[in-house]
Structure formats: C-alpha cells, structure tokens
C-alpha cells in the first residue's frame, strides 16, 4: 500500500512549486491584513488531491491496480491516507504561518483562536472528502464536481431558509452544555464520517469494472 501512496505523491510533485508559491503569496497577503490564510490552503490541498483521480483515469491506473495483490482495497485506502496526510501537512504549515503573521502584525500570538479556526478548517476539508470521494468513485471526477456544486448550493439555500424563517436559538441553548466537549465530539464525528466514506468508496470500487 505504501507504493500506492507514493504514486499519488509522485503525481502531485509538479504542484509542489505552485503550493510553495501560494504559501508565499497568501502569507504576504496575510501580513498585509488582506486575507485569512487559515481557510484557503487546506482546501487547495484537497483540490490538488482530487486532481489525482483525473491522472489515474488518464493513465488507466485503476485497470492496472486491480491486477495487483489487494489492489482494489489498497488503491482506495491509499487515496484516503494520502489525502489526509496532505491535509495535515498543509494545515501544520498553515498554523505555523498563522503564528508568524499574528506575531508580526500584533506582537502577540492568539494560539487558541488560530488553533480553533484551523480545526474548523480541517473539519470542513475532511467533510468535503467524505462527500466527494464516494461520488468520484461512482461517477467520475467531472460528474462529482457538478454533484458537489448542487449539494453545496442546496445546503446554502436550505441553511439560509432556516436562519431566516426559523428560530434556532433553542438548539444553541440545548447544546450549550456540550461546549466543553465540542472539539472531542467533532473529532469523533470526523473519524466516523471519514471511515463511513471510506467503506462506501471501497464497496463502490470493489464492484467497478474496467
């Protein structure tokens, strides 16, 4: 399976220089107070990993991988592990940059705010992964992008409707007692979501013909 992960990393090597340039550009913009880099870079990392599906399709990798021992299983597992690894590495670099930017701009570092913001970003990024990957395995990259756009647009519309016409304050009050355990709860939810997404992708890929 290590070979599968190395394959994905090798495919995105050409994007490392671009990522490095983006780190510099967004860091400068952050220093100028024009952008919060916490949200941008982790999401870019998953977009780059999603592009590996296009490379796989172009090079007919999937048809080859299933001929290898445990090829179907390891191919999906490696894709998830490589993506999570990429998100974590980029997030750690982003946290370090955020600390530097905060210190340069304010002479202090708001550790709690930066870490909470980054945790929320990681959660959102992994949420994209859990929805996108099963759809990609089922319908391909292009159709998946359209599907995700429709889903996101639908969630925005429904969310806007709920916020405008419904009083949701009672929900906030009823969940206030969970505030001290929020991070632990979100970590648990994230692990479960990613695992369920992985199992679904495994089942889809195991039945796919090439």
C-alpha atoms as a PDB file:
ATOM      1  CA  UNK A   1       0.000   0.000   0.000  1.00  0.00           C
ATOM      2  CA  UNK A   2       2.971   2.306   0.592  1.00  0.00           C
ATOM      3  CA  UNK A   3       3.613   2.123  -3.141  1.00  0.00           C
ATOM      4  CA  UNK A   4       0.091   3.369  -3.840  1.00  0.00           C
ATOM      5  CA  UNK A   5       0.632   6.366  -1.548  1.00  0.00           C
ATOM      6  CA  UNK A   6       3.991   7.123  -3.171  1.00  0.00           C
ATOM      7  CA  UNK A   7       2.270   7.016  -6.553  1.00  0.00           C
ATOM      8  CA  UNK A   8      -0.215   9.728  -5.526  1.00  0.00           C
ATOM      9  CA  UNK A   9       2.557  11.868  -4.047  1.00  0.00           C
ATOM     10  CA  UNK A  10       4.626  11.469  -7.218  1.00  0.00           C
ATOM     11  CA  UNK A  11       1.672  12.599  -9.325  1.00  0.00           C
ATOM     12  CA  UNK A  12       1.282  15.863  -7.425  1.00  0.00           C
ATOM     13  CA  UNK A  13       5.004  16.681  -7.273  1.00  0.00           C
ATOM     14  CA  UNK A  14       4.538  19.115 -10.129  1.00  0.00           C
ATOM     15  CA  UNK A  15       2.110  21.033  -7.876  1.00  0.00           C
ATOM     16  CA  UNK A  16       4.573  21.446  -5.003  1.00  0.00           C
ATOM     17  CA  UNK A  17       6.191  24.528  -6.539  1.00  0.00           C
ATOM     18  CA  UNK A  18       2.750  26.025  -7.097  1.00  0.00           C
ATOM     19  CA  UNK A  19       1.796  25.277  -3.490  1.00  0.00           C
ATOM     20  CA  UNK A  20       5.044  26.862  -2.295  1.00  0.00           C
ATOM     21  CA  UNK A  21       4.323  29.977  -4.342  1.00  0.00           C
ATOM     22  CA  UNK A  22       0.777  30.128  -2.978  1.00  0.00           C
ATOM     23  CA  UNK A  23       2.102  29.818   0.576  1.00  0.00           C
ATOM     24  CA  UNK A  24       4.315  32.849  -0.054  1.00  0.00           C
ATOM     25  CA  UNK A  25       1.595  34.885  -1.790  1.00  0.00           C
ATOM     26  CA  UNK A  26      -1.061  34.206   0.841  1.00  0.00           C
ATOM     27  CA  UNK A  27       1.441  34.753   3.662  1.00  0.00           C
ATOM     28  CA  UNK A  28       2.254  38.199   2.258  1.00  0.00           C
ATOM     29  CA  UNK A  29      -1.460  38.970   1.898  1.00  0.00           C
ATOM     30  CA  UNK A  30      -1.961  37.801   5.467  1.00  0.00           C
ATOM     31  CA  UNK A  31       0.820  40.098   6.672  1.00  0.00           C
ATOM     32  CA  UNK A  32      -0.893  42.960   4.861  1.00  0.00           C
ATOM     33  CA  UNK A  33      -4.155  42.080   6.586  1.00  0.00           C
ATOM     34  CA  UNK A  34      -5.947  41.371   3.318  1.00  0.00           C
ATOM     35  CA  UNK A  35      -6.653  37.663   3.824  1.00  0.00           C
ATOM     36  CA  UNK A  36      -7.000  34.959   6.464  1.00  0.00           C
ATOM     37  CA  UNK A  37      -4.878  32.088   5.140  1.00  0.00           C
ATOM     38  CA  UNK A  38      -6.473  29.578   7.533  1.00  0.00           C
ATOM     39  CA  UNK A  39      -9.279  28.737   5.121  1.00  0.00           C
ATOM     40  CA  UNK A  40      -7.546  28.795   1.749  1.00  0.00           C
ATOM     41  CA  UNK A  41      -4.542  26.496   1.791  1.00  0.00           C
ATOM     42  CA  UNK A  42      -6.061  23.307   3.304  1.00  0.00           C
ATOM     43  CA  UNK A  43      -8.912  23.439   0.785  1.00  0.00           C
ATOM     44  CA  UNK A  44      -6.403  23.892  -2.038  1.00  0.00           C
ATOM     45  CA  UNK A  45      -4.612  20.766  -0.849  1.00  0.00           C
ATOM     46  CA  UNK A  46      -7.698  18.590  -1.203  1.00  0.00           C
ATOM     47  CA  UNK A  47      -8.434  20.069  -4.627  1.00  0.00           C
ATOM     48  CA  UNK A  48      -4.936  19.026  -5.691  1.00  0.00           C
ATOM     49  CA  UNK A  49      -5.521  15.518  -4.341  1.00  0.00           C
ATOM     50  CA  UNK A  50      -8.833  15.293  -6.177  1.00  0.00           C
ATOM     51  CA  UNK A  51      -6.918  16.028  -9.396  1.00  0.00           C
ATOM     52  CA  UNK A  52      -5.080  12.709  -8.920  1.00  0.00           C
ATOM     53  CA  UNK A  53      -8.291  10.934  -9.889  1.00  0.00           C
ATOM     54  CA  UNK A  54      -8.056  12.602 -13.302  1.00  0.00           C
ATOM     55  CA  UNK A  55      -4.438  11.436 -13.633  1.00  0.00           C
ATOM     56  CA  UNK A  56      -5.482   7.907 -12.666  1.00  0.00           C
ATOM     57  CA  UNK A  57      -8.221   7.909 -15.261  1.00  0.00           C
ATOM     58  CA  UNK A  58      -5.968   9.306 -17.994  1.00  0.00           C
ATOM     59  CA  UNK A  59      -3.230   6.748 -17.300  1.00  0.00           C
ATOM     60  CA  UNK A  60      -5.755   3.904 -16.789  1.00  0.00           C
ATOM     61  CA  UNK A  61      -4.263   3.308 -13.375  1.00  0.00           C
ATOM     62  CA  UNK A  62      -7.371   1.721 -11.867  1.00  0.00           C
ATOM     63  CA  UNK A  63      -7.455  -1.005 -14.506  1.00  0.00           C
ATOM     64  CA  UNK A  64      -3.828  -1.796 -13.680  1.00  0.00           C
ATOM     65  CA  UNK A  65      -4.152  -1.514  -9.885  1.00  0.00           C
ATOM     66  CA  UNK A  66      -6.852  -4.180  -9.643  1.00  0.00           C
ATOM     67  CA  UNK A  67      -4.402  -6.729 -11.058  1.00  0.00           C
ATOM     68  CA  UNK A  68      -2.102  -6.234  -8.050  1.00  0.00           C
ATOM     69  CA  UNK A  69      -2.496  -8.164  -4.772  1.00  0.00           C
ATOM     70  CA  UNK A  70      -5.295  -6.489  -2.783  1.00  0.00           C
ATOM     71  CA  UNK A  71      -5.221  -3.834  -5.490  1.00  0.00           C
ATOM     72  CA  UNK A  72      -8.810  -2.667  -5.141  1.00  0.00           C
ATOM     73  CA  UNK A  73      -8.618  -2.396  -1.369  1.00  0.00           C
ATOM     74  CA  UNK A  74      -5.194  -0.774  -1.209  1.00  0.00           C
ATOM     75  CA  UNK A  75      -5.956   1.683  -4.007  1.00  0.00           C
ATOM     76  CA  UNK A  76      -8.871   3.228  -2.117  1.00  0.00           C
ATOM     77  CA  UNK A  77      -7.159   3.071   1.273  1.00  0.00           C
ATOM     78  CA  UNK A  78      -4.025   4.753  -0.083  1.00  0.00           C
ATOM     79  CA  UNK A  79      -6.070   7.512  -1.708  1.00  0.00           C
ATOM     80  CA  UNK A  80      -7.733   8.357   1.613  1.00  0.00           C
ATOM     81  CA  UNK A  81      -4.489   8.132   3.598  1.00  0.00           C
ATOM     82  CA  UNK A  82      -2.541  10.248   1.082  1.00  0.00           C
ATOM     83  CA  UNK A  83      -5.280  12.898   1.114  1.00  0.00           C
ATOM     84  CA  UNK A  84      -5.475  13.030   4.914  1.00  0.00           C
ATOM     85  CA  UNK A  85      -1.667  13.211   5.102  1.00  0.00           C
ATOM     86  CA  UNK A  86      -1.643  16.076   2.591  1.00  0.00           C
ATOM     87  CA  UNK A  87      -4.331  17.976   4.509  1.00  0.00           C
ATOM     88  CA  UNK A  88      -2.476  17.553   7.820  1.00  0.00           C
ATOM     89  CA  UNK A  89       0.895  18.648   6.410  1.00  0.00           C
ATOM     90  CA  UNK A  90      -0.577  21.729   4.742  1.00  0.00           C
ATOM     91  CA  UNK A  91      -2.581  22.525   7.885  1.00  0.00           C
ATOM     92  CA  UNK A  92       0.534  22.334  10.098  1.00  0.00           C
ATOM     93  CA  UNK A  93       2.408  24.679   7.743  1.00  0.00           C
ATOM     94  CA  UNK A  94      -0.604  26.998   7.736  1.00  0.00           C
ATOM     95  CA  UNK A  95      -0.709  27.026  11.546  1.00  0.00           C
ATOM     96  CA  UNK A  96       2.984  27.971  11.689  1.00  0.00           C
ATOM     97  CA  UNK A  97       2.450  30.746   9.129  1.00  0.00           C
ATOM     98  CA  UNK A  98      -0.590  31.979  11.070  1.00  0.00           C
ATOM     99  CA  UNK A  99       1.503  32.176  14.253  1.00  0.00           C
ATOM    100  CA  UNK A 100       4.181  34.179  12.425  1.00  0.00           C
ATOM    101  CA  UNK A 101       1.651  36.514  10.794  1.00  0.00           C
ATOM    102  CA  UNK A 102      -0.145  37.054  14.112  1.00  0.00           C
ATOM    103  CA  UNK A 103       3.113  37.902  15.875  1.00  0.00           C
ATOM    104  CA  UNK A 104       4.356  40.241  13.138  1.00  0.00           C
ATOM    105  CA  UNK A 105       1.031  42.100  12.956  1.00  0.00           C
ATOM    106  CA  UNK A 106       0.115  42.255  16.655  1.00  0.00           C
ATOM    107  CA  UNK A 107       3.301  41.281  18.555  1.00  0.00           C
ATOM    108  CA  UNK A 108       1.224  38.542  20.201  1.00  0.00           C
ATOM    109  CA  UNK A 109       0.035  35.097  19.173  1.00  0.00           C
ATOM    110  CA  UNK A 110      -3.583  34.151  19.774  1.00  0.00           C
ATOM    111  CA  UNK A 111      -2.945  30.424  19.973  1.00  0.00           C
ATOM    112  CA  UNK A 112      -6.489  29.464  20.902  1.00  0.00           C
ATOM    113  CA  UNK A 113      -8.176  31.408  18.114  1.00  0.00           C
ATOM    114  CA  UNK A 114      -5.758  30.174  15.452  1.00  0.00           C
ATOM    115  CA  UNK A 115      -5.985  26.532  16.546  1.00  0.00           C
ATOM    116  CA  UNK A 116      -9.786  26.592  16.804  1.00  0.00           C
ATOM    117  CA  UNK A 117     -10.037  28.211  13.360  1.00  0.00           C
ATOM    118  CA  UNK A 118      -7.677  25.647  11.856  1.00  0.00           C
ATOM    119  CA  UNK A 119      -9.542  22.795  13.498  1.00  0.00           C
ATOM    120  CA  UNK A 120     -12.752  24.064  11.923  1.00  0.00           C
ATOM    121  CA  UNK A 121     -10.995  24.293   8.558  1.00  0.00           C
ATOM    122  CA  UNK A 122      -9.648  20.740   8.833  1.00  0.00           C
ATOM    123  CA  UNK A 123     -13.135  19.535   9.784  1.00  0.00           C
ATOM    124  CA  UNK A 124     -14.644  21.302   6.755  1.00  0.00           C
ATOM    125  CA  UNK A 125     -11.928  19.973   4.442  1.00  0.00           C
ATOM    126  CA  UNK A 126     -12.433  16.401   5.606  1.00  0.00           C
ATOM    127  CA  UNK A 127     -16.176  16.913   5.213  1.00  0.00           C
ATOM    128  CA  UNK A 128     -15.545  17.697   1.537  1.00  0.00           C
ATOM    129  CA  UNK A 129     -13.500  14.490   1.315  1.00  0.00           C
ATOM    130  CA  UNK A 130     -16.277  12.360   2.819  1.00  0.00           C
ATOM    131  CA  UNK A 131     -18.800  13.583   0.247  1.00  0.00           C
ATOM    132  CA  UNK A 132     -16.554  13.870  -2.785  1.00  0.00           C
ATOM    133  CA  UNK A 133     -14.652  10.594  -2.819  1.00  0.00           C
ATOM    134  CA  UNK A 134     -17.591   8.149  -2.909  1.00  0.00           C
ATOM    135  CA  UNK A 135     -19.207  10.259  -5.650  1.00  0.00           C
ATOM    136  CA  UNK A 136     -15.947  10.346  -7.613  1.00  0.00           C
ATOM    137  CA  UNK A 137     -15.541   6.576  -7.367  1.00  0.00           C
ATOM    138  CA  UNK A 138     -19.129   6.143  -8.504  1.00  0.00           C
ATOM    139  CA  UNK A 139     -19.472   8.730 -11.274  1.00  0.00           C
ATOM    140  CA  UNK A 140     -16.007  10.115 -12.030  1.00  0.00           C
ATOM    141  CA  UNK A 141     -14.383  13.481 -11.285  1.00  0.00           C
ATOM    142  CA  UNK A 142     -16.351  15.706 -13.667  1.00  0.00           C
ATOM    143  CA  UNK A 143     -19.800  14.486 -12.635  1.00  0.00           C
ATOM    144  CA  UNK A 144     -18.730  14.572  -8.980  1.00  0.00           C
ATOM    145  CA  UNK A 145     -17.821  18.256  -9.223  1.00  0.00           C
ATOM    146  CA  UNK A 146     -21.245  19.038 -10.639  1.00  0.00           C
ATOM    147  CA  UNK A 147     -22.909  16.946  -7.944  1.00  0.00           C
ATOM    148  CA  UNK A 148     -20.988  18.634  -5.138  1.00  0.00           C
ATOM    149  CA  UNK A 149     -21.840  22.073  -6.543  1.00  0.00           C
ATOM    150  CA  UNK A 150     -25.525  21.140  -6.485  1.00  0.00           C
ATOM    151  CA  UNK A 151     -25.243  19.759  -2.942  1.00  0.00           C
ATOM    152  CA  UNK A 152     -23.391  22.826  -1.627  1.00  0.00           C
ATOM    153  CA  UNK A 153     -25.825  25.182  -3.353  1.00  0.00           C
ATOM    154  CA  UNK A 154     -28.747  23.239  -1.888  1.00  0.00           C
ATOM    155  CA  UNK A 155     -27.245  23.354   1.612  1.00  0.00           C
ATOM    156  CA  UNK A 156     -26.698  27.104   1.324  1.00  0.00           C
ATOM    157  CA  UNK A 157     -30.313  27.629   0.218  1.00  0.00           C
ATOM    158  CA  UNK A 158     -31.722  25.395   2.964  1.00  0.00           C
ATOM    159  CA  UNK A 159     -29.411  26.927   5.568  1.00  0.00           C
ATOM    160  CA  UNK A 160     -30.403  30.432   4.528  1.00  0.00           C
ATOM    161  CA  UNK A 161     -34.074  29.496   4.765  1.00  0.00           C
ATOM    162  CA  UNK A 162     -33.655  28.007   8.243  1.00  0.00           C
ATOM    163  CA  UNK A 163     -31.728  31.012   9.528  1.00  0.00           C
ATOM    164  CA  UNK A 164     -34.254  33.457   8.100  1.00  0.00           C
ATOM    165  CA  UNK A 165     -37.555  31.838   8.994  1.00  0.00           C
ATOM    166  CA  UNK A 166     -36.876  29.569  11.974  1.00  0.00           C
ATOM    167  CA  UNK A 167     -35.821  30.388  15.497  1.00  0.00           C
ATOM    168  CA  UNK A 168     -32.828  28.168  16.099  1.00  0.00           C
ATOM    169  CA  UNK A 169     -31.828  29.730  19.414  1.00  0.00           C
ATOM    170  CA  UNK A 170     -33.366  26.850  21.342  1.00  0.00           C
ATOM    171  CA  UNK A 171     -30.943  24.470  19.638  1.00  0.00           C
ATOM    172  CA  UNK A 172     -27.980  26.566  20.705  1.00  0.00           C
ATOM    173  CA  UNK A 173     -29.286  26.672  24.280  1.00  0.00           C
ATOM    174  CA  UNK A 174     -29.949  22.952  24.394  1.00  0.00           C
ATOM    175  CA  UNK A 175     -26.433  22.173  23.136  1.00  0.00           C
ATOM    176  CA  UNK A 176     -24.637  24.710  25.316  1.00  0.00           C
ATOM    177  CA  UNK A 177     -23.807  22.029  27.891  1.00  0.00           C
ATOM    178  CA  UNK A 178     -21.705  20.259  25.227  1.00  0.00           C
ATOM    179  CA  UNK A 179     -19.469  23.290  24.693  1.00  0.00           C
ATOM    180  CA  UNK A 180     -16.635  21.926  26.836  1.00  0.00           C
ATOM    181  CA  UNK A 181     -16.594  18.697  24.831  1.00  0.00           C
ATOM    182  CA  UNK A 182     -17.149  20.217  21.386  1.00  0.00           C
ATOM    183  CA  UNK A 183     -13.683  19.506  19.994  1.00  0.00           C
ATOM    184  CA  UNK A 184     -13.746  15.903  21.215  1.00  0.00           C
ATOM    185  CA  UNK A 185     -17.217  15.426  19.733  1.00  0.00           C
ATOM    186  CA  UNK A 186     -16.159  16.916  16.382  1.00  0.00           C
ATOM    187  CA  UNK A 187     -13.057  14.700  16.279  1.00  0.00           C
ATOM    188  CA  UNK A 188     -15.247  11.655  16.893  1.00  0.00           C
ATOM    189  CA  UNK A 189     -17.755  12.744  14.233  1.00  0.00           C
ATOM    190  CA  UNK A 190     -14.933  13.399  11.758  1.00  0.00           C
ATOM    191  CA  UNK A 191     -13.382   9.958  12.292  1.00  0.00           C
ATOM    192  CA  UNK A 192     -16.756   8.275  11.849  1.00  0.00           C
ATOM    193  CA  UNK A 193     -17.578  10.294   8.706  1.00  0.00           C
ATOM    194  CA  UNK A 194     -14.242   9.547   7.050  1.00  0.00           C
ATOM    195  CA  UNK A 195     -14.481   5.857   7.944  1.00  0.00           C
ATOM    196  CA  UNK A 196     -18.030   5.545   6.585  1.00  0.00           C
ATOM    197  CA  UNK A 197     -16.981   7.397   3.430  1.00  0.00           C
ATOM    198  CA  UNK A 198     -14.020   5.024   3.040  1.00  0.00           C
ATOM    199  CA  UNK A 199     -16.217   1.931   3.440  1.00  0.00           C
ATOM    200  CA  UNK A 200     -18.687   3.255   0.852  1.00  0.00           C
ATOM    201  CA  UNK A 201     -15.860   4.008  -1.589  1.00  0.00           C
ATOM    202  CA  UNK A 202     -14.414   0.543  -1.023  1.00  0.00           C
ATOM    203  CA  UNK A 203     -17.730  -1.104  -1.837  1.00  0.00           C
ATOM    204  CA  UNK A 204     -18.211   1.037  -4.942  1.00  0.00           C
ATOM    205  CA  UNK A 205     -14.687   0.370  -6.232  1.00  0.00           C
ATOM    206  CA  UNK A 206     -14.884  -3.350  -5.456  1.00  0.00           C
ATOM    207  CA  UNK A 207     -17.831  -3.692  -7.846  1.00  0.00           C
ATOM    208  CA  UNK A 208     -16.499  -1.406 -10.555  1.00  0.00           C
ATOM    209  CA  UNK A 209     -15.492  -2.904 -13.874  1.00  0.00           C
ATOM    210  CA  UNK A 210     -12.708  -1.636 -16.133  1.00  0.00           C
END
